C-alpha atoms as a PDB file:
ATOM      1  CA  MET A   1       0.000   0.000   0.000  1.00  0.00           C
ATOM      2  CA  VAL A   2       1.323   3.449  -0.927  1.00  0.00           C
ATOM      3  CA  ARG A   3       2.423   5.591   2.016  1.00  0.00           C
ATOM      4  CA  GLU A   4       2.729   9.374   2.266  1.00  0.00           C
ATOM      5  CA  GLY A   5       5.771  10.529   0.278  1.00  0.00           C
ATOM      6  CA  ASP A   6       6.264   7.294  -1.705  1.00  0.00           C
ATOM      7  CA  THR A   7       7.438   7.557  -5.299  1.00  0.00           C
ATOM      8  CA  LEU A   8       7.619   4.880  -7.974  1.00  0.00           C
ATOM      9  CA  TYR A   9      11.418   5.066  -7.663  1.00  0.00           C
ATOM     10  CA  ASP A  10      11.271   4.427  -3.902  1.00  0.00           C
ATOM     11  CA  ILE A  11       8.835   1.562  -4.282  1.00  0.00           C
ATOM     12  CA  ALA A  12      10.932  -0.036  -7.041  1.00  0.00           C
ATOM     13  CA  ARG A  13      14.104   0.265  -4.949  1.00  0.00           C
ATOM     14  CA  THR A  14      12.431  -1.208  -1.855  1.00  0.00           C
ATOM     15  CA  GLU A  15      10.306  -3.912  -3.456  1.00  0.00           C
ATOM     16  CA  LEU A  16      12.313  -4.822  -6.575  1.00  0.00           C
ATOM     17  CA  GLY A  17      15.865  -4.022  -5.489  1.00  0.00           C
ATOM     18  CA  LYS A  18      16.494  -1.402  -8.207  1.00  0.00           C
ATOM     19  CA  ALA A  19      15.003   2.067  -8.551  1.00  0.00           C
ATOM     20  CA  SER A  20      15.468   1.742 -12.309  1.00  0.00           C
ATOM     21  CA  ARG A  21      12.620  -0.802 -12.374  1.00  0.00           C
ATOM     22  CA  TRP A  22      10.026   1.906 -11.607  1.00  0.00           C
ATOM     23  CA  GLY A  23       8.711   1.610 -15.163  1.00  0.00           C
ATOM     24  CA  GLU A  24       7.567  -1.961 -14.543  1.00  0.00           C
ATOM     25  CA  ILE A  25       5.395  -0.749 -11.673  1.00  0.00           C
ATOM     26  CA  TYR A  26       4.079   2.106 -13.791  1.00  0.00           C
ATOM     27  CA  ASP A  27       3.224  -0.258 -16.659  1.00  0.00           C
ATOM     28  CA  LEU A  28       1.335  -2.606 -14.320  1.00  0.00           C
ATOM     29  CA  ASN A  29      -0.636   0.311 -12.870  1.00  0.00           C
ATOM     30  CA  TRP A  30      -1.150   2.615 -15.858  1.00  0.00           C
ATOM     31  CA  ASN A  31      -4.918   2.232 -15.490  1.00  0.00           C
ATOM     32  CA  GLN A  32      -4.719   3.948 -12.055  1.00  0.00           C
ATOM     33  CA  LEU A  33      -1.908   6.384 -12.801  1.00  0.00           C
ATOM     34  CA  GLY A  34      -2.592   7.393 -16.404  1.00  0.00           C
ATOM     35  CA  ASN A  35       0.058   9.821 -17.636  1.00  0.00           C
ATOM     36  CA  ARG A  36       0.796  11.080 -14.124  1.00  0.00           C
ATOM     37  CA  LEU A  37       3.954   9.711 -12.544  1.00  0.00           C
ATOM     38  CA  ASP A  38       3.125  11.818  -9.476  1.00  0.00           C
ATOM     39  CA  GLY A  39      -0.375  10.334  -9.215  1.00  0.00           C
ATOM     40  CA  LEU A  40       0.380   8.209  -6.135  1.00  0.00           C
ATOM     41  CA  THR A  41      -1.882   8.794  -3.173  1.00  0.00           C
ATOM     42  CA  PRO A  42      -1.580   7.318   0.326  1.00  0.00           C
ATOM     43  CA  GLY A  43      -3.595   4.122   0.629  1.00  0.00           C
ATOM     44  CA  MET A  44      -3.441   3.324  -3.095  1.00  0.00           C
ATOM     45  CA  LYS A  45      -2.814  -0.357  -3.818  1.00  0.00           C
ATOM     46  CA  LEU A  46      -0.354  -1.018  -6.609  1.00  0.00           C
ATOM     47  CA  VAL A  47       0.222  -4.181  -8.577  1.00  0.00           C
ATOM     48  CA  LEU A  48       3.891  -5.207  -8.404  1.00  0.00           C
ATOM     49  CA  PRO A  49       5.867  -7.656 -10.552  1.00  0.00           C
ATOM     50  CA  ALA A  50       5.840 -11.235  -9.289  1.00  0.00           C
ATOM     51  CA  ASP A  51       9.451 -10.997  -8.061  1.00  0.00           C
ATOM     52  CA  ALA A  52       8.691  -8.185  -5.572  1.00  0.00           C
ATOM     53  CA  ALA A  53      10.537  -8.482  -2.238  1.00  0.00           C
ATOM     54  CA  SER A  54       7.557  -8.261   0.102  1.00  0.00           C
ATOM     55  CA  GLN A  55       5.298 -11.200   0.791  1.00  0.00           C
ATOM     56  CA  PRO A  56       2.110 -10.743  -1.202  1.00  0.00           C
ATOM     57  CA  GLU A  57      -1.124 -10.164   0.672  1.00  0.00           C
ATOM     58  CA  VAL A  58      -3.154 -10.781  -2.459  1.00  0.00           C
ATOM     59  CA  MET A  59      -2.206 -12.479  -5.688  1.00  0.00           C
ATOM     60  CA  THR A  60      -3.675 -11.256  -8.957  1.00  0.00           C
ATOM     61  CA  ARG A  61      -3.059 -11.632 -12.656  1.00  0.00           C
ATOM     62  CA  ASN A  62      -1.084  -8.933 -14.380  1.00  0.00           C
ATOM     63  CA  PRO A  63      -3.701  -6.508 -15.757  1.00  0.00           C
ATOM     64  CA  GLY A  64      -1.352  -5.119 -18.384  1.00  0.00           C
ATOM     65  CA  PRO A  65      -0.500  -6.565 -21.781  1.00  0.00           C
ATOM     66  CA  ALA A  66      -0.652 -10.347 -21.845  1.00  0.00           C
ATOM     67  CA  THR A  67       2.512 -11.490 -20.081  1.00  0.00           C
ATOM     68  CA  GLY A  68       0.900 -14.290 -18.126  1.00  0.00           C
ATOM     69  CA  SER A  69       2.954 -13.670 -14.969  1.00  0.00           C
ATOM     70  CA  ASN A  70       1.495 -13.322 -11.497  1.00  0.00           C
ATOM     71  CA  ALA A  71       1.842 -10.014  -9.747  1.00  0.00           C
ATOM     72  CA  THR A  72       1.404  -8.838  -6.186  1.00  0.00           C
ATOM     73  CA  LEU A  73      -0.398  -5.897  -4.670  1.00  0.00           C
ATOM     74  CA  ARG A  74       1.509  -3.493  -2.466  1.00  0.00           C
END
């Protein structure tokens, strides 16, 4: 879940191990974020790539283009 002050870079660094992977999070959540990279709001739940560091609370299918991989919600 997004916390006050979080950015896609911070979330990618924490959950995926590299800030440079922020685009993967954006791509998985474009339907919520649209063209706004600063569109994160506290409490928002983001879909993360399946290899995210945190233990998933909920598993869901990747809503983006057909990749077939599982993703987790943050």
